Amino acid sequence: MLEHGHDPDEIRQRISANAVRSHLRDVIYGAIDGAVTTFAIVAGVVGAELSTKVIIALGIANVLADGFSMAAGNYSGTKAELDDAKRLREVEERHVRLAPEGERAELREILAQKGLAGDVLEAAVDTIAQDRKTWIDMMLVEEYGLSPVDPHPMRAAQATFLAFLLAGMVPLLPYIFGIDTAFQWSIALTGLTFFCVGAAKSHWSLAPWWRSGGETLAIGGAAAAIAYFVGTLFA
């Protein structure tokens, strides 16, 4: 079963459509960190034998403050990536304007390393060089290793914060609703969250869902166990 068709019209529409930057990394990163850090607080406070009010207060404070901090950090990092791409584009635009033959030589080398040679190579260089934007786009990808799709800092930050908020609230739910044996429920729900995030992540990888889920569960469980152990030292 193929993921998409190869009808000429379908190919033309799919290739000509504007590419969208994926926020998968931002969502997975935010969700795992949100569940890990909040449960680490819950486990640490329980290990120190403090009250339920302390667990809820510290947990909510962590979800909001740490979630915002992560989102702000992701925004700043993504914006720095975007600013660097803009800087390099200006560099290439200046080089194309002031040293076009040198830039054509670089373009020729890039295409030669892709297997083009002879008249075909020269024709490709001439064709690409006629469109300055296409020329510069290719140089940014091939010479600097940039993504052909610019990142979107605000969307990246929003994806991280929402994922952190949703996953980070899970360990607190048994305490917020006053459930008996709240810590045991928190362990179970947090473990399920880790596993579900990992299993969902497998949709974009070659790993089977159960392996990806188990890997994420192991990582989160290790972090929670460390926090609980540290908490018991102050009991």
Protein backbone atom coordinates (compact mmCIF):
# COMPACT_ATOMS: atom_id res chain seq x y z
CA MET A 1 0.00 0.00 0.00
CA LEU A 2 1.63 3.25 -1.13
CA GLU A 3 1.43 6.41 0.98
CA HIS A 4 0.43 8.55 -2.03
CA GLY A 5 -0.37 8.20 -5.71
CA HIS A 6 1.76 9.02 -8.73
CA ASP A 7 -0.77 10.46 -11.13
CA PRO A 8 0.87 13.39 -13.00
CA ASP A 9 -1.66 15.93 -11.67
CA GLU A 10 -1.32 14.62 -8.13
CA ILE A 11 2.46 14.75 -8.35
CA ARG A 12 2.35 18.33 -9.65
CA GLN A 13 0.02 19.48 -6.86
CA ARG A 14 1.98 17.72 -4.12
CA ILE A 15 5.41 18.94 -5.23
CA SER A 16 4.28 22.52 -5.92
CA ALA A 17 2.47 22.86 -2.58
CA ASN A 18 4.21 24.93 0.07
CA ALA A 19 6.13 22.69 2.44
CA VAL A 20 5.21 22.96 6.13
CA ARG A 21 7.75 22.68 8.91
CA SER A 22 6.92 19.72 11.17
CA HIS A 23 6.51 20.34 14.91
CA LEU A 24 6.79 16.66 15.81
CA ARG A 25 10.05 17.22 17.68
CA ASP A 26 8.56 20.10 19.67
CA VAL A 27 5.49 18.08 20.68
CA ILE A 28 7.40 14.93 21.67
CA TYR A 29 10.03 16.93 23.54
CA GLY A 30 7.42 18.96 25.42
CA ALA A 31 5.22 15.98 26.29
CA ILE A 32 8.02 13.78 27.60
CA ASP A 33 9.65 16.57 29.58
CA GLY A 34 6.30 17.70 30.98
CA ALA A 35 5.41 14.23 32.25
CA VAL A 36 8.93 13.54 33.53
CA THR A 37 9.46 16.79 35.44
CA THR A 38 5.99 16.91 37.00
CA PHE A 39 6.08 13.29 38.09
CA ALA A 40 9.60 13.84 39.39
CA ILE A 41 8.19 16.56 41.64
CA VAL A 42 5.32 14.32 42.74
CA ALA A 43 7.67 11.43 43.46
CA GLY A 44 10.14 13.64 45.28
CA VAL A 45 7.49 15.25 47.48
CA VAL A 46 5.90 11.88 48.26
CA GLY A 47 9.32 10.49 49.09
CA ALA A 48 9.84 13.40 51.49
CA GLU A 49 6.40 12.66 53.03
CA LEU A 50 5.00 16.15 52.46
CA SER A 51 1.32 17.03 52.14
CA THR A 52 -0.99 16.71 49.14
CA LYS A 53 -1.33 20.50 48.99
CA VAL A 54 2.42 20.80 48.50
CA ILE A 55 2.30 18.25 45.68
CA ILE A 56 -0.48 20.14 43.88
CA ALA A 57 1.09 23.55 44.42
CA LEU A 58 4.56 22.55 43.29
CA GLY A 59 3.18 20.46 40.43
CA ILE A 60 1.02 23.22 38.98
CA ALA A 61 3.82 25.73 39.46
CA ASN A 62 6.13 23.40 37.55
CA VAL A 63 3.66 22.86 34.71
CA LEU A 64 3.13 26.58 34.19
CA ALA A 65 6.60 27.94 34.93
CA ASP A 66 8.72 25.17 33.46
CA GLY A 67 6.37 24.80 30.51
CA PHE A 68 6.64 28.51 29.76
CA SER A 69 10.40 28.36 30.24
CA MET A 70 10.70 25.48 27.79
CA ALA A 71 8.47 27.25 25.29
CA ALA A 72 10.49 30.47 25.64
CA GLY A 73 13.73 28.55 25.21
CA ASN A 74 12.40 26.77 22.14
CA TYR A 75 11.20 30.09 20.72
CA SER A 76 14.59 31.71 21.25
CA GLY A 77 16.48 28.75 19.82
CA THR A 78 14.20 28.46 16.79
CA LYS A 79 14.36 32.21 16.19
CA ALA A 80 18.15 32.07 16.35
CA GLU A 81 18.03 29.32 13.72
CA LEU A 82 15.76 31.48 11.55
CA ASP A 83 17.96 34.55 12.01
CA ASP A 84 21.02 32.57 11.01
CA ALA A 85 19.26 31.34 7.87
CA LYS A 86 18.36 34.94 6.97
CA ARG A 87 21.97 36.01 7.55
CA LEU A 88 23.32 33.27 5.31
CA ARG A 89 20.78 34.14 2.63
CA GLU A 90 22.08 37.71 2.62
CA VAL A 91 25.62 36.38 2.37
CA GLU A 92 24.75 34.26 -0.65
CA GLU A 93 22.79 37.07 -2.29
CA ARG A 94 25.82 39.35 -1.93
CA HIS A 95 28.17 36.69 -3.28
CA VAL A 96 25.92 36.03 -6.28
CA ARG A 97 25.82 39.76 -6.98
CA LEU A 98 29.54 40.47 -6.50
CA ALA A 99 31.14 37.18 -7.53
CA PRO A 100 28.68 35.40 -9.84
CA GLU A 101 31.32 33.27 -11.57
CA GLY A 102 32.62 32.00 -8.25
CA GLU A 103 29.10 31.09 -7.16
CA ARG A 104 28.49 29.38 -10.50
CA ALA A 105 31.63 27.34 -9.90
CA GLU A 106 30.26 26.30 -6.50
CA LEU A 107 26.93 25.39 -8.09
CA ARG A 108 28.72 23.41 -10.76
CA GLU A 109 30.66 21.45 -8.09
CA ILE A 110 27.47 20.71 -6.15
CA LEU A 111 25.75 19.32 -9.24
CA ALA A 112 28.88 17.42 -10.30
CA GLN A 113 28.94 15.65 -6.93
CA LYS A 114 25.36 14.60 -7.60
CA GLY A 115 26.47 12.79 -10.74
CA LEU A 116 25.93 15.36 -13.50
CA ALA A 117 28.68 15.82 -16.09
CA GLY A 118 29.43 17.29 -19.51
CA ASP A 119 26.75 19.17 -21.41
CA VAL A 120 24.06 18.06 -18.99
CA LEU A 121 26.00 19.60 -16.11
CA GLU A 122 26.52 22.91 -17.91
CA ALA A 123 22.89 23.06 -18.99
CA ALA A 124 21.76 22.46 -15.41
CA VAL A 125 24.07 25.19 -14.10
CA ASP A 126 22.80 27.67 -16.69
CA THR A 127 19.15 26.82 -16.00
CA ILE A 128 19.40 27.08 -12.20
CA ALA A 129 21.49 30.25 -12.35
CA GLN A 130 18.77 31.98 -14.39
CA ASP A 131 16.49 31.98 -11.34
CA ARG A 132 18.34 33.75 -8.53
CA LYS A 133 16.00 32.55 -5.76
CA THR A 134 16.27 28.92 -6.85
CA TRP A 135 20.04 29.32 -7.12
CA ILE A 136 20.39 30.77 -3.62
CA ASP A 137 17.96 28.24 -2.13
CA MET A 138 20.08 25.42 -3.50
CA MET A 139 23.27 26.96 -2.13
CA LEU A 140 21.74 27.32 1.34
CA VAL A 141 20.70 23.68 1.39
CA GLU A 142 23.79 22.16 -0.22
CA GLU A 143 26.54 24.46 1.05
CA TYR A 144 25.29 25.22 4.56
CA GLY A 145 23.03 22.25 5.23
CA LEU A 146 19.98 24.41 5.99
CA SER A 147 16.43 23.12 5.75
CA PRO A 148 14.59 24.33 2.65
CA VAL A 149 11.64 25.23 4.93
CA ASP A 150 12.11 28.09 7.37
CA PRO A 151 11.26 27.35 11.03
CA HIS A 152 8.39 29.17 12.74
CA PRO A 153 9.48 30.20 16.28
CA MET A 154 6.04 31.01 17.70
CA ARG A 155 4.42 27.82 16.44
CA ALA A 156 7.32 25.79 17.82
CA ALA A 157 6.92 27.46 21.21
CA GLN A 158 3.15 26.90 21.23
CA ALA A 159 3.53 23.23 20.33
CA THR A 160 6.06 22.71 23.12
CA PHE A 161 3.99 24.52 25.76
CA LEU A 162 0.70 22.77 24.94
CA ALA A 163 2.33 19.34 24.91
CA PHE A 164 4.12 20.10 28.18
CA LEU A 165 0.88 21.35 29.77
CA LEU A 166 -1.23 18.36 28.74
CA ALA A 167 1.30 15.67 29.66
CA GLY A 168 2.51 17.53 32.74
CA MET A 169 -0.94 17.65 34.32
CA VAL A 170 -1.39 13.87 34.16
CA PRO A 171 0.67 13.00 37.30
CA LEU A 172 -1.30 15.59 39.30
CA LEU A 173 -4.81 14.43 38.38
CA PRO A 174 -5.18 11.80 41.15
CA TYR A 175 -4.25 14.43 43.75
CA ILE A 176 -6.45 17.15 42.28
CA PHE A 177 -9.47 14.82 42.33
CA GLY A 178 -8.61 13.44 45.79
CA ILE A 179 -8.39 9.80 44.69
CA ASP A 180 -7.39 7.23 47.29
CA THR A 181 -3.93 5.73 46.73
CA ALA A 182 -3.21 8.79 44.60
CA PHE A 183 0.49 8.05 44.25
CA GLN A 184 -0.15 4.59 42.81
CA TRP A 185 -2.62 6.11 40.35
CA SER A 186 -0.10 8.81 39.48
CA ILE A 187 2.52 6.17 38.73
CA ALA A 188 0.12 4.23 36.51
CA LEU A 189 -1.18 7.27 34.61
CA THR A 190 2.28 8.73 34.12
CA GLY A 191 3.64 5.42 32.91
CA LEU A 192 0.72 5.15 30.50
CA THR A 193 1.46 8.68 29.26
CA PHE A 194 5.11 7.82 28.65
CA PHE A 195 4.13 4.69 26.78
CA CYS A 196 1.45 6.41 24.68
CA VAL A 197 3.80 9.23 23.70
CA GLY A 198 6.43 6.71 22.65
CA ALA A 199 3.90 4.55 20.82
CA ALA A 200 2.57 7.60 18.95
CA LYS A 201 6.13 8.59 18.07
CA SER A 202 6.58 5.26 16.29
CA HIS A 203 4.17 6.46 13.59
CA TRP A 204 7.04 8.59 12.26
CA SER A 205 9.77 5.96 12.66
CA LEU A 206 10.60 2.42 11.64
CA ALA A 207 10.50 1.11 15.23
CA PRO A 208 7.43 -0.95 16.25
CA TRP A 209 4.98 0.88 18.53
CA TRP A 210 5.62 -1.37 21.52
CA ARG A 211 9.39 -0.85 21.36
CA SER A 212 9.12 2.93 21.01
CA GLY A 213 6.59 3.03 23.83
CA GLY A 214 8.73 0.84 26.06
CA GLU A 215 11.82 2.97 25.41
CA THR A 216 10.04 6.17 26.40
CA LEU A 217 8.55 4.45 29.45
CA ALA A 218 12.01 3.31 30.55
CA ILE A 219 13.48 6.81 30.18
CA GLY A 220 10.66 8.46 32.10
CA GLY A 221 10.62 5.76 34.75
CA ALA A 222 14.34 6.15 35.38
CA ALA A 223 13.97 9.90 35.90
CA ALA A 224 11.04 9.39 38.28
CA ALA A 225 12.89 6.72 40.28
CA ILE A 226 15.86 9.04 40.76
CA ALA A 227 13.59 11.84 41.98
CA TYR A 228 11.78 9.53 44.39
CA PHE A 229 15.07 8.24 45.81
CA VAL A 230 16.34 11.79 46.36
CA GLY A 231 13.05 12.68 48.05
CA THR A 232 13.36 9.79 50.51
CA LEU A 233 16.71 11.17 51.68
CA PHE A 234 14.86 14.12 53.25
CA ALA A 235 12.03 12.11 54.78
